[in-house]
């Protein structure tokens, strides 16, 4: 999705496709520093772990910037990777979560006989963290199997009624997309996670689903985090809840109303956040009237 100034994100035009590869640009690595934020440049933020000259420029106000969209990333990223000589093996997307529409993006890339996992965190159209870790192929495959076989996850893409044509509302109606890229057609799995857990068992299901992802993120080397502001403090989760630590929060519905809010404090992790009744629940979708996906 593209940003066209402040306000509601706009769906990426179908004509917004990447131009042919040009020698000296994508063929040699990321886009040159002279390029501003764009859909194509965001794909490079995912494919290449190092920060770029535009990483800090993504926001909700810069013309040409980008709002993460699960299906747009899943469908557009492989072609851009091919242009850049990068083999994309898989993609795991969580979000949008919380009041800042936070996205976690994990891209699995071939690197010799191993797999490089690049991670990116994007709340409210800002990139607030990037990381990378090199893992064995078996480790990457085990994570895909763990997610795809969870009882919370359905095979295939989500489906919507014929009248549900708003791409943004459709994207907000589910919380997880997993893609495995093969020589044939991609394999998809999706999930609508119970952001407001009805009981301890339901919250534990989500915790078990994201636990291996958290462990992988904990092993990652951070390659980008926002610079300190002129006042001397970085844009941290204390200023922008959800920027770095709120990935897939779940409000447990069985806590004593007098108990305080508790949050997992593992940097960049997806986590379960129990809340008491007086707090506004941190949920994945701001609009409760958006249509849920069906089938899958």
C-alpha atoms as a PDB file:
ATOM      1  CA  UNK A   1       0.000   0.000   0.000  1.00  0.00           C
ATOM      2  CA  UNK A   2       1.202   3.488  -0.749  1.00  0.00           C
ATOM      3  CA  UNK A   3       1.181   6.532   1.497  1.00  0.00           C
ATOM      4  CA  UNK A   4      -0.321   9.593  -0.153  1.00  0.00           C
ATOM      5  CA  UNK A   5       0.201  12.046   2.664  1.00  0.00           C
ATOM      6  CA  UNK A   6      -1.261  11.665   6.157  1.00  0.00           C
ATOM      7  CA  UNK A   7      -4.398   9.720   6.854  1.00  0.00           C
ATOM      8  CA  UNK A   8      -5.778   6.426   5.625  1.00  0.00           C
ATOM      9  CA  UNK A   9      -3.340   4.246   3.658  1.00  0.00           C
ATOM     10  CA  UNK A  10      -4.164   3.774   0.007  1.00  0.00           C
ATOM     11  CA  UNK A  11      -4.112   0.475  -1.839  1.00  0.00           C
ATOM     12  CA  UNK A  12      -1.094   0.041  -4.094  1.00  0.00           C
ATOM     13  CA  UNK A  13      -2.122   0.562  -7.738  1.00  0.00           C
ATOM     14  CA  UNK A  14      -2.025  -2.591  -9.812  1.00  0.00           C
ATOM     15  CA  UNK A  15       0.211  -0.769 -12.276  1.00  0.00           C
ATOM     16  CA  UNK A  16       2.861  -0.119  -9.617  1.00  0.00           C
ATOM     17  CA  UNK A  17       5.215  -2.862 -10.818  1.00  0.00           C
ATOM     18  CA  UNK A  18       8.982  -2.780 -10.603  1.00  0.00           C
ATOM     19  CA  UNK A  19      10.800  -1.598 -13.751  1.00  0.00           C
ATOM     20  CA  UNK A  20      13.262  -3.905 -15.522  1.00  0.00           C
ATOM     21  CA  UNK A  21      16.550  -4.455 -13.733  1.00  0.00           C
ATOM     22  CA  UNK A  22      19.204  -1.877 -14.578  1.00  0.00           C
ATOM     23  CA  UNK A  23      22.906  -2.662 -14.376  1.00  0.00           C
ATOM     24  CA  UNK A  24      24.498  -0.974 -11.401  1.00  0.00           C
ATOM     25  CA  UNK A  25      21.290  -0.782  -9.356  1.00  0.00           C
ATOM     26  CA  UNK A  26      19.424  -3.906  -8.306  1.00  0.00           C
ATOM     27  CA  UNK A  27      21.826  -6.294 -10.015  1.00  0.00           C
ATOM     28  CA  UNK A  28      24.596  -4.960  -7.767  1.00  0.00           C
ATOM     29  CA  UNK A  29      22.541  -4.833  -4.583  1.00  0.00           C
ATOM     30  CA  UNK A  30      20.092  -2.413  -2.960  1.00  0.00           C
ATOM     31  CA  UNK A  31      18.787   0.702  -4.674  1.00  0.00           C
ATOM     32  CA  UNK A  32      21.109   3.748  -4.733  1.00  0.00           C
ATOM     33  CA  UNK A  33      20.915   6.316  -1.941  1.00  0.00           C
ATOM     34  CA  UNK A  34      19.295   8.830  -4.293  1.00  0.00           C
ATOM     35  CA  UNK A  35      16.098   6.747  -4.425  1.00  0.00           C
ATOM     36  CA  UNK A  36      13.384   7.809  -1.977  1.00  0.00           C
ATOM     37  CA  UNK A  37      10.841   5.643  -0.144  1.00  0.00           C
ATOM     38  CA  UNK A  38       8.668   3.550  -2.451  1.00  0.00           C
ATOM     39  CA  UNK A  39       7.059   0.151  -2.737  1.00  0.00           C
ATOM     40  CA  UNK A  40      10.086  -1.233  -4.582  1.00  0.00           C
ATOM     41  CA  UNK A  41      12.476   0.307  -2.082  1.00  0.00           C
ATOM     42  CA  UNK A  42      10.519  -1.266   0.782  1.00  0.00           C
ATOM     43  CA  UNK A  43      10.950  -4.654  -0.852  1.00  0.00           C
ATOM     44  CA  UNK A  44      14.694  -3.965  -0.750  1.00  0.00           C
ATOM     45  CA  UNK A  45      14.450  -3.144   2.958  1.00  0.00           C
ATOM     46  CA  UNK A  46      13.174  -6.699   3.427  1.00  0.00           C
ATOM     47  CA  UNK A  47      15.546  -8.425   0.984  1.00  0.00           C
ATOM     48  CA  UNK A  48      18.692  -6.674   2.234  1.00  0.00           C
ATOM     49  CA  UNK A  49      19.379  -6.654   5.961  1.00  0.00           C
ATOM     50  CA  UNK A  50      21.493  -3.524   6.171  1.00  0.00           C
ATOM     51  CA  UNK A  51      19.861  -0.160   6.696  1.00  0.00           C
ATOM     52  CA  UNK A  52      19.616   2.030   3.629  1.00  0.00           C
ATOM     53  CA  UNK A  53      19.724   5.780   3.142  1.00  0.00           C
ATOM     54  CA  UNK A  54      15.902   5.768   3.194  1.00  0.00           C
ATOM     55  CA  UNK A  55      15.141   3.319   6.015  1.00  0.00           C
ATOM     56  CA  UNK A  56      14.385   6.148   8.431  1.00  0.00           C
ATOM     57  CA  UNK A  57      12.276   8.038   5.872  1.00  0.00           C
ATOM     58  CA  UNK A  58       9.311   5.674   5.854  1.00  0.00           C
ATOM     59  CA  UNK A  59       6.368   7.179   7.697  1.00  0.00           C
ATOM     60  CA  UNK A  60       2.694   8.009   7.322  1.00  0.00           C
ATOM     61  CA  UNK A  61       3.338  11.425   5.778  1.00  0.00           C
ATOM     62  CA  UNK A  62       6.055  11.057   3.146  1.00  0.00           C
ATOM     63  CA  UNK A  63       4.766  10.939  -0.409  1.00  0.00           C
ATOM     64  CA  UNK A  64       5.533   7.620  -2.044  1.00  0.00           C
ATOM     65  CA  UNK A  65       6.093   5.817   1.244  1.00  0.00           C
ATOM     66  CA  UNK A  66       4.605   2.383   1.836  1.00  0.00           C
ATOM     67  CA  UNK A  67       2.120   0.721   4.179  1.00  0.00           C
ATOM     68  CA  UNK A  68       2.825  -2.979   4.628  1.00  0.00           C
ATOM     69  CA  UNK A  69       0.257  -5.284   3.047  1.00  0.00           C
ATOM     70  CA  UNK A  70       0.562  -9.030   3.526  1.00  0.00           C
ATOM     71  CA  UNK A  71      -0.683 -10.120   0.108  1.00  0.00           C
ATOM     72  CA  UNK A  72       1.164  -7.357  -1.731  1.00  0.00           C
ATOM     73  CA  UNK A  73       4.424  -8.409  -0.078  1.00  0.00           C
ATOM     74  CA  UNK A  74       3.765 -12.093  -0.681  1.00  0.00           C
ATOM     75  CA  UNK A  75       3.053 -11.544  -4.376  1.00  0.00           C
ATOM     76  CA  UNK A  76       5.564  -8.807  -5.164  1.00  0.00           C
ATOM     77  CA  UNK A  77       8.641  -9.742  -3.166  1.00  0.00           C
ATOM     78  CA  UNK A  78       9.686 -12.903  -5.074  1.00  0.00           C
ATOM     79  CA  UNK A  79       9.901 -11.097  -8.414  1.00  0.00           C
ATOM     80  CA  UNK A  80      11.950  -8.282  -6.899  1.00  0.00           C
ATOM     81  CA  UNK A  81      14.215 -10.840  -5.262  1.00  0.00           C
ATOM     82  CA  UNK A  82      14.744 -12.550  -8.606  1.00  0.00           C
ATOM     83  CA  UNK A  83      15.679  -9.228 -10.186  1.00  0.00           C
ATOM     84  CA  UNK A  84      18.257  -8.754  -7.443  1.00  0.00           C
ATOM     85  CA  UNK A  85      19.677 -12.252  -7.551  1.00  0.00           C
ATOM     86  CA  UNK A  86      18.147 -13.109  -4.178  1.00  0.00           C
ATOM     87  CA  UNK A  87      16.271 -16.429  -3.800  1.00  0.00           C
ATOM     88  CA  UNK A  88      13.277 -16.027  -1.508  1.00  0.00           C
ATOM     89  CA  UNK A  89      12.366 -19.340   0.122  1.00  0.00           C
ATOM     90  CA  UNK A  90       9.604 -18.179   2.437  1.00  0.00           C
ATOM     91  CA  UNK A  91       7.828 -15.286   4.105  1.00  0.00           C
ATOM     92  CA  UNK A  92       6.156 -14.999   7.510  1.00  0.00           C
ATOM     93  CA  UNK A  93       4.020 -11.932   8.207  1.00  0.00           C
ATOM     94  CA  UNK A  94       2.271 -10.925  11.432  1.00  0.00           C
ATOM     95  CA  UNK A  95      -0.020  -7.900  11.556  1.00  0.00           C
ATOM     96  CA  UNK A  96      -1.446  -5.381  11.486  1.00  0.00           C
ATOM     97  CA  UNK A  97      -1.467  -5.533  15.303  1.00  0.00           C
ATOM     98  CA  UNK A  98      -2.389  -2.952  17.891  1.00  0.00           C
ATOM     99  CA  UNK A  99      -3.403   0.678  17.572  1.00  0.00           C
ATOM    100  CA  UNK A 100      -0.309   1.443  15.458  1.00  0.00           C
ATOM    101  CA  UNK A 101      -0.970  -1.340  12.913  1.00  0.00           C
ATOM    102  CA  UNK A 102       2.396  -2.981  13.604  1.00  0.00           C
ATOM    103  CA  UNK A 103       3.795  -5.517  11.157  1.00  0.00           C
ATOM    104  CA  UNK A 104       6.523  -8.086  11.701  1.00  0.00           C
ATOM    105  CA  UNK A 105       8.072  -9.281   8.445  1.00  0.00           C
ATOM    106  CA  UNK A 106      10.386 -12.310   8.324  1.00  0.00           C
ATOM    107  CA  UNK A 107      11.930 -13.214   4.965  1.00  0.00           C
ATOM    108  CA  UNK A 108      13.734 -16.537   4.467  1.00  0.00           C
ATOM    109  CA  UNK A 109      16.486 -16.282   1.858  1.00  0.00           C
ATOM    110  CA  UNK A 110      18.861 -18.856   0.358  1.00  0.00           C
ATOM    111  CA  UNK A 111      22.491 -18.287   1.339  1.00  0.00           C
ATOM    112  CA  UNK A 112      24.671 -21.194   0.299  1.00  0.00           C
ATOM    113  CA  UNK A 113      23.619 -24.297   2.208  1.00  0.00           C
ATOM    114  CA  UNK A 114      21.979 -22.152   4.907  1.00  0.00           C
ATOM    115  CA  UNK A 115      19.033 -19.779   5.160  1.00  0.00           C
ATOM    116  CA  UNK A 116      19.261 -16.124   6.074  1.00  0.00           C
ATOM    117  CA  UNK A 117      16.272 -14.761   7.951  1.00  0.00           C
ATOM    118  CA  UNK A 118      15.826 -10.996   7.640  1.00  0.00           C
ATOM    119  CA  UNK A 119      13.340  -9.403  10.021  1.00  0.00           C
ATOM    120  CA  UNK A 120      11.706  -5.995   9.911  1.00  0.00           C
ATOM    121  CA  UNK A 121       9.296  -4.245  12.263  1.00  0.00           C
ATOM    122  CA  UNK A 122       6.956  -1.570  10.919  1.00  0.00           C
ATOM    123  CA  UNK A 123       4.382   0.188  13.106  1.00  0.00           C
ATOM    124  CA  UNK A 124       2.327   3.026  11.606  1.00  0.00           C
ATOM    125  CA  UNK A 125       4.283   2.927   8.333  1.00  0.00           C
ATOM    126  CA  UNK A 126       7.642   3.544  10.104  1.00  0.00           C
ATOM    127  CA  UNK A 127      10.511   1.056  10.052  1.00  0.00           C
ATOM    128  CA  UNK A 128      11.652   0.872  13.666  1.00  0.00           C
ATOM    129  CA  UNK A 129      13.825  -2.215  13.580  1.00  0.00           C
ATOM    130  CA  UNK A 130      15.713  -4.529  11.247  1.00  0.00           C
ATOM    131  CA  UNK A 131      17.691  -7.658  12.015  1.00  0.00           C
ATOM    132  CA  UNK A 132      19.220 -10.737  10.440  1.00  0.00           C
ATOM    133  CA  UNK A 133      20.333 -14.233  11.417  1.00  0.00           C
ATOM    134  CA  UNK A 134      21.804 -17.166   9.499  1.00  0.00           C
ATOM    135  CA  UNK A 135      20.288 -20.567  10.321  1.00  0.00           C
ATOM    136  CA  UNK A 136      20.482 -24.133   9.067  1.00  0.00           C
ATOM    137  CA  UNK A 137      17.938 -25.186   6.457  1.00  0.00           C
ATOM    138  CA  UNK A 138      16.513 -27.699   8.908  1.00  0.00           C
ATOM    139  CA  UNK A 139      15.905 -24.907  11.422  1.00  0.00           C
ATOM    140  CA  UNK A 140      14.043 -22.815   8.866  1.00  0.00           C
ATOM    141  CA  UNK A 141      11.976 -25.783   7.708  1.00  0.00           C
ATOM    142  CA  UNK A 142      11.141 -26.700  11.312  1.00  0.00           C
ATOM    143  CA  UNK A 143       9.786 -23.193  11.909  1.00  0.00           C
ATOM    144  CA  UNK A 144       7.625 -23.373   8.782  1.00  0.00           C
ATOM    145  CA  UNK A 145       6.276 -26.766   9.855  1.00  0.00           C
ATOM    146  CA  UNK A 146       5.581 -25.503  13.363  1.00  0.00           C
ATOM    147  CA  UNK A 147       3.540 -22.552  12.128  1.00  0.00           C
ATOM    148  CA  UNK A 148       1.770 -24.340   9.279  1.00  0.00           C
ATOM    149  CA  UNK A 149       0.652 -27.258  11.469  1.00  0.00           C
ATOM    150  CA  UNK A 150      -0.659 -25.129  14.341  1.00  0.00           C
ATOM    151  CA  UNK A 151      -4.342 -25.663  15.130  1.00  0.00           C
ATOM    152  CA  UNK A 152      -4.775 -21.889  14.779  1.00  0.00           C
ATOM    153  CA  UNK A 153      -3.546 -21.860  11.179  1.00  0.00           C
ATOM    154  CA  UNK A 154      -5.460 -22.770   8.008  1.00  0.00           C
ATOM    155  CA  UNK A 155      -3.991 -23.882   4.704  1.00  0.00           C
ATOM    156  CA  UNK A 156      -4.457 -21.603   1.712  1.00  0.00           C
ATOM    157  CA  UNK A 157      -5.221 -17.933   1.327  1.00  0.00           C
ATOM    158  CA  UNK A 158      -8.122 -16.294   3.157  1.00  0.00           C
ATOM    159  CA  UNK A 159     -11.263 -15.706   1.136  1.00  0.00           C
ATOM    160  CA  UNK A 160     -13.850 -12.957   1.387  1.00  0.00           C
ATOM    161  CA  UNK A 161     -17.375 -12.367   0.089  1.00  0.00           C
ATOM    162  CA  UNK A 162     -17.594 -10.912  -3.409  1.00  0.00           C
ATOM    163  CA  UNK A 163     -18.748  -7.632  -1.872  1.00  0.00           C
ATOM    164  CA  UNK A 164     -15.568  -7.299   0.239  1.00  0.00           C
ATOM    165  CA  UNK A 165     -13.458  -5.392  -2.269  1.00  0.00           C
ATOM    166  CA  UNK A 166     -11.577  -3.044   0.079  1.00  0.00           C
ATOM    167  CA  UNK A 167      -7.982  -4.337   0.094  1.00  0.00           C
ATOM    168  CA  UNK A 168      -7.141  -2.560   3.344  1.00  0.00           C
ATOM    169  CA  UNK A 169     -10.125  -3.960   5.233  1.00  0.00           C
ATOM    170  CA  UNK A 170      -9.361  -7.406   3.859  1.00  0.00           C
ATOM    171  CA  UNK A 171      -5.760  -7.141   5.052  1.00  0.00           C
ATOM    172  CA  UNK A 172      -6.943  -6.141   8.528  1.00  0.00           C
ATOM    173  CA  UNK A 173      -9.305  -9.100   8.741  1.00  0.00           C
ATOM    174  CA  UNK A 174      -6.589 -11.691   9.423  1.00  0.00           C
ATOM    175  CA  UNK A 175      -3.316 -11.569  11.325  1.00  0.00           C
ATOM    176  CA  UNK A 176      -0.821 -14.066   9.944  1.00  0.00           C
ATOM    177  CA  UNK A 177       0.313 -15.085   6.482  1.00  0.00           C
ATOM    178  CA  UNK A 178       2.944 -17.770   5.856  1.00  0.00           C
ATOM    179  CA  UNK A 179       4.261 -18.464   2.360  1.00  0.00           C
ATOM    180  CA  UNK A 180       6.630 -21.166   1.130  1.00  0.00           C
ATOM    181  CA  UNK A 181       8.033 -20.504  -2.338  1.00  0.00           C
ATOM    182  CA  UNK A 182       8.765 -23.611  -4.391  1.00  0.00           C
ATOM    183  CA  UNK A 183       9.529 -24.351  -8.020  1.00  0.00           C
ATOM    184  CA  UNK A 184       5.786 -24.588  -8.594  1.00  0.00           C
ATOM    185  CA  UNK A 185       3.013 -22.458  -7.137  1.00  0.00           C
ATOM    186  CA  UNK A 186       3.591 -20.876  -3.715  1.00  0.00           C
ATOM    187  CA  UNK A 187       2.092 -22.597  -0.678  1.00  0.00           C
ATOM    188  CA  UNK A 188       0.044 -20.355   1.631  1.00  0.00           C
ATOM    189  CA  UNK A 189      -1.238 -20.566   5.195  1.00  0.00           C
ATOM    190  CA  UNK A 190      -3.143 -17.910   7.141  1.00  0.00           C
ATOM    191  CA  UNK A 191      -4.622 -17.315  10.583  1.00  0.00           C
ATOM    192  CA  UNK A 192      -6.962 -14.982  12.401  1.00  0.00           C
ATOM    193  CA  UNK A 193      -5.441 -15.013  15.856  1.00  0.00           C
ATOM    194  CA  UNK A 194      -7.579 -14.519  18.980  1.00  0.00           C
ATOM    195  CA  UNK A 195      -6.199 -11.143  20.024  1.00  0.00           C
ATOM    196  CA  UNK A 196      -8.617 -11.014  22.960  1.00  0.00           C
ATOM    197  CA  UNK A 197      -8.088 -14.448  24.446  1.00  0.00           C
ATOM    198  CA  UNK A 198     -11.201 -15.903  26.030  1.00  0.00           C
ATOM    199  CA  UNK A 199      -9.220 -17.999  28.492  1.00  0.00           C
ATOM    200  CA  UNK A 200      -5.756 -19.147  29.504  1.00  0.00           C
ATOM    201  CA  UNK A 201      -5.802 -22.091  27.116  1.00  0.00           C
ATOM    202  CA  UNK A 202      -6.512 -19.876  24.110  1.00  0.00           C
ATOM    203  CA  UNK A 203      -3.775 -17.419  25.081  1.00  0.00           C
ATOM    204  CA  UNK A 204      -1.360 -20.311  25.522  1.00  0.00           C
ATOM    205  CA  UNK A 205      -2.113 -21.479  21.983  1.00  0.00           C
ATOM    206  CA  UNK A 206      -0.939 -18.165  20.584  1.00  0.00           C
ATOM    207  CA  UNK A 207       2.104 -18.143  22.850  1.00  0.00           C
ATOM    208  CA  UNK A 208       3.066 -21.613  21.631  1.00  0.00           C
ATOM    209  CA  UNK A 209       2.611 -20.524  18.025  1.00  0.00           C
ATOM    210  CA  UNK A 210       4.933 -17.514  18.293  1.00  0.00           C
ATOM    211  CA  UNK A 211       7.502 -18.947  20.740  1.00  0.00           C
ATOM    212  CA  UNK A 212       9.881 -20.332  18.050  1.00  0.00           C
ATOM    213  CA  UNK A 213       9.600 -17.058  16.152  1.00  0.00           C
ATOM    214  CA  UNK A 214      10.612 -15.181  19.313  1.00  0.00           C
ATOM    215  CA  UNK A 215      13.593 -17.452  19.795  1.00  0.00           C
ATOM    216  CA  UNK A 216      14.703 -16.803  16.235  1.00  0.00           C
ATOM    217  CA  UNK A 217      14.314 -13.046  16.656  1.00  0.00           C
ATOM    218  CA  UNK A 218      16.315 -13.201  19.881  1.00  0.00           C
ATOM    219  CA  UNK A 219      19.235 -14.679  17.922  1.00  0.00           C
ATOM    220  CA  UNK A 220      19.127 -11.948  15.263  1.00  0.00           C
ATOM    221  CA  UNK A 221      21.767  -9.275  14.929  1.00  0.00           C
ATOM    222  CA  UNK A 222      20.157  -5.843  14.909  1.00  0.00           C
ATOM    223  CA  UNK A 223      21.044  -3.927  11.754  1.00  0.00           C
ATOM    224  CA  UNK A 224      18.847  -0.881  12.247  1.00  0.00           C
ATOM    225  CA  UNK A 225      17.073   0.994  15.011  1.00  0.00           C
ATOM    226  CA  UNK A 226      15.930   4.627  15.002  1.00  0.00           C
ATOM    227  CA  UNK A 227      18.453   7.269  15.879  1.00  0.00           C
ATOM    228  CA  UNK A 228      17.913   9.302  19.036  1.00  0.00           C
ATOM    229  CA  UNK A 229      15.654  12.304  18.592  1.00  0.00           C
ATOM    230  CA  UNK A 230      17.046  15.850  19.040  1.00  0.00           C
ATOM    231  CA  UNK A 231      15.947  15.619  22.676  1.00  0.00           C
ATOM    232  CA  UNK A 232      18.313  12.722  23.162  1.00  0.00           C
ATOM    233  CA  UNK A 233      15.941   9.757  23.359  1.00  0.00           C
ATOM    234  CA  UNK A 234      15.323   7.164  20.680  1.00  0.00           C
ATOM    235  CA  UNK A 235      11.869   6.389  19.383  1.00  0.00           C
ATOM    236  CA  UNK A 236      11.328   3.466  21.712  1.00  0.00           C
ATOM    237  CA  UNK A 237       8.364   1.404  22.743  1.00  0.00           C
ATOM    238  CA  UNK A 238       7.895   3.704  25.746  1.00  0.00           C
ATOM    239  CA  UNK A 239       7.081   6.544  23.350  1.00  0.00           C
ATOM    240  CA  UNK A 240       5.343   4.527  20.685  1.00  0.00           C
ATOM    241  CA  UNK A 241       3.741   1.404  22.154  1.00  0.00           C
ATOM    242  CA  UNK A 242       4.103  -1.365  19.616  1.00  0.00           C
ATOM    243  CA  UNK A 243       7.095   0.107  17.775  1.00  0.00           C
ATOM    244  CA  UNK A 244       9.635  -2.486  18.873  1.00  0.00           C
ATOM    245  CA  UNK A 245       8.070  -4.929  21.283  1.00  0.00           C
ATOM    246  CA  UNK A 246       4.383  -5.344  20.488  1.00  0.00           C
ATOM    247  CA  UNK A 247       4.131  -7.972  17.803  1.00  0.00           C
ATOM    248  CA  UNK A 248       1.123 -10.194  18.380  1.00  0.00           C
ATOM    249  CA  UNK A 249      -0.347  -9.070  21.711  1.00  0.00           C
ATOM    250  CA  UNK A 250      -3.145 -11.110  23.231  1.00  0.00           C
ATOM    251  CA  UNK A 251      -5.370  -9.742  25.960  1.00  0.00           C
ATOM    252  CA  UNK A 252      -6.154 -12.509  28.421  1.00  0.00           C
ATOM    253  CA  UNK A 253      -9.740 -12.323  29.560  1.00  0.00           C
ATOM    254  CA  UNK A 254      -9.323 -14.208  32.823  1.00  0.00           C
ATOM    255  CA  UNK A 255      -7.160 -11.853  34.900  1.00  0.00           C
ATOM    256  CA  UNK A 256      -8.173 -10.180  38.139  1.00  0.00           C
ATOM    257  CA  UNK A 257      -9.305  -6.607  37.288  1.00  0.00           C
ATOM    258  CA  UNK A 258      -6.987  -5.263  39.993  1.00  0.00           C
ATOM    259  CA  UNK A 259      -3.864  -6.816  38.494  1.00  0.00           C
ATOM    260  CA  UNK A 260      -1.655  -4.454  36.475  1.00  0.00           C
ATOM    261  CA  UNK A 261      -0.825  -4.718  32.805  1.00  0.00           C
ATOM    262  CA  UNK A 262       2.139  -6.967  32.123  1.00  0.00           C
ATOM    263  CA  UNK A 263       4.184  -6.981  28.918  1.00  0.00           C
ATOM    264  CA  UNK A 264       6.937  -9.287  27.734  1.00  0.00           C
ATOM    265  CA  UNK A 265      10.146  -7.249  27.548  1.00  0.00           C
ATOM    266  CA  UNK A 266      12.082  -9.152  24.884  1.00  0.00           C
ATOM    267  CA  UNK A 267      13.210  -6.739  22.187  1.00  0.00           C
ATOM    268  CA  UNK A 268      11.392  -7.191  18.877  1.00  0.00           C
ATOM    269  CA  UNK A 269       9.555 -10.275  20.086  1.00  0.00           C
ATOM    270  CA  UNK A 270       6.019 -11.229  19.286  1.00  0.00           C
ATOM    271  CA  UNK A 271       4.330 -11.638  22.637  1.00  0.00           C
ATOM    272  CA  UNK A 272       1.189 -12.173  24.614  1.00  0.00           C
ATOM    273  CA  UNK A 273       0.109  -9.234  26.739  1.00  0.00           C
ATOM    274  CA  UNK A 274      -2.339  -9.897  29.559  1.00  0.00           C
ATOM    275  CA  UNK A 275      -4.418  -6.830  30.458  1.00  0.00           C
ATOM    276  CA  UNK A 276      -6.914  -5.980  33.153  1.00  0.00           C
ATOM    277  CA  UNK A 277     -10.501  -5.062  32.443  1.00  0.00           C
ATOM    278  CA  UNK A 278     -10.066  -1.298  32.766  1.00  0.00           C
ATOM    279  CA  UNK A 279      -7.418  -1.139  30.049  1.00  0.00           C
ATOM    280  CA  UNK A 280      -8.348  -0.758  26.425  1.00  0.00           C
ATOM    281  CA  UNK A 281      -7.436  -4.129  24.875  1.00  0.00           C
ATOM    282  CA  UNK A 282      -4.526  -4.117  22.475  1.00  0.00           C
ATOM    283  CA  UNK A 283      -6.044  -5.865  19.474  1.00  0.00           C
ATOM    284  CA  UNK A 284      -4.880  -6.593  15.955  1.00  0.00           C
ATOM    285  CA  UNK A 285      -7.583  -4.615  14.197  1.00  0.00           C
ATOM    286  CA  UNK A 286      -8.795  -1.127  15.039  1.00  0.00           C
ATOM    287  CA  UNK A 287     -12.094  -1.561  13.198  1.00  0.00           C
ATOM    288  CA  UNK A 288     -14.274  -4.257  14.794  1.00  0.00           C
ATOM    289  CA  UNK A 289     -16.677  -4.125  11.872  1.00  0.00           C
ATOM    290  CA  UNK A 290     -14.216  -5.355   9.282  1.00  0.00           C
ATOM    291  CA  UNK A 291     -15.326  -8.635   7.689  1.00  0.00           C
ATOM    292  CA  UNK A 292     -13.541 -11.793   8.863  1.00  0.00           C
ATOM    293  CA  UNK A 293     -12.014 -14.048   6.231  1.00  0.00           C
ATOM    294  CA  UNK A 294     -13.779 -17.277   5.437  1.00  0.00           C
ATOM    295  CA  UNK A 295     -12.650 -20.609   4.170  1.00  0.00           C
ATOM    296  CA  UNK A 296      -8.984 -21.232   3.608  1.00  0.00           C
END
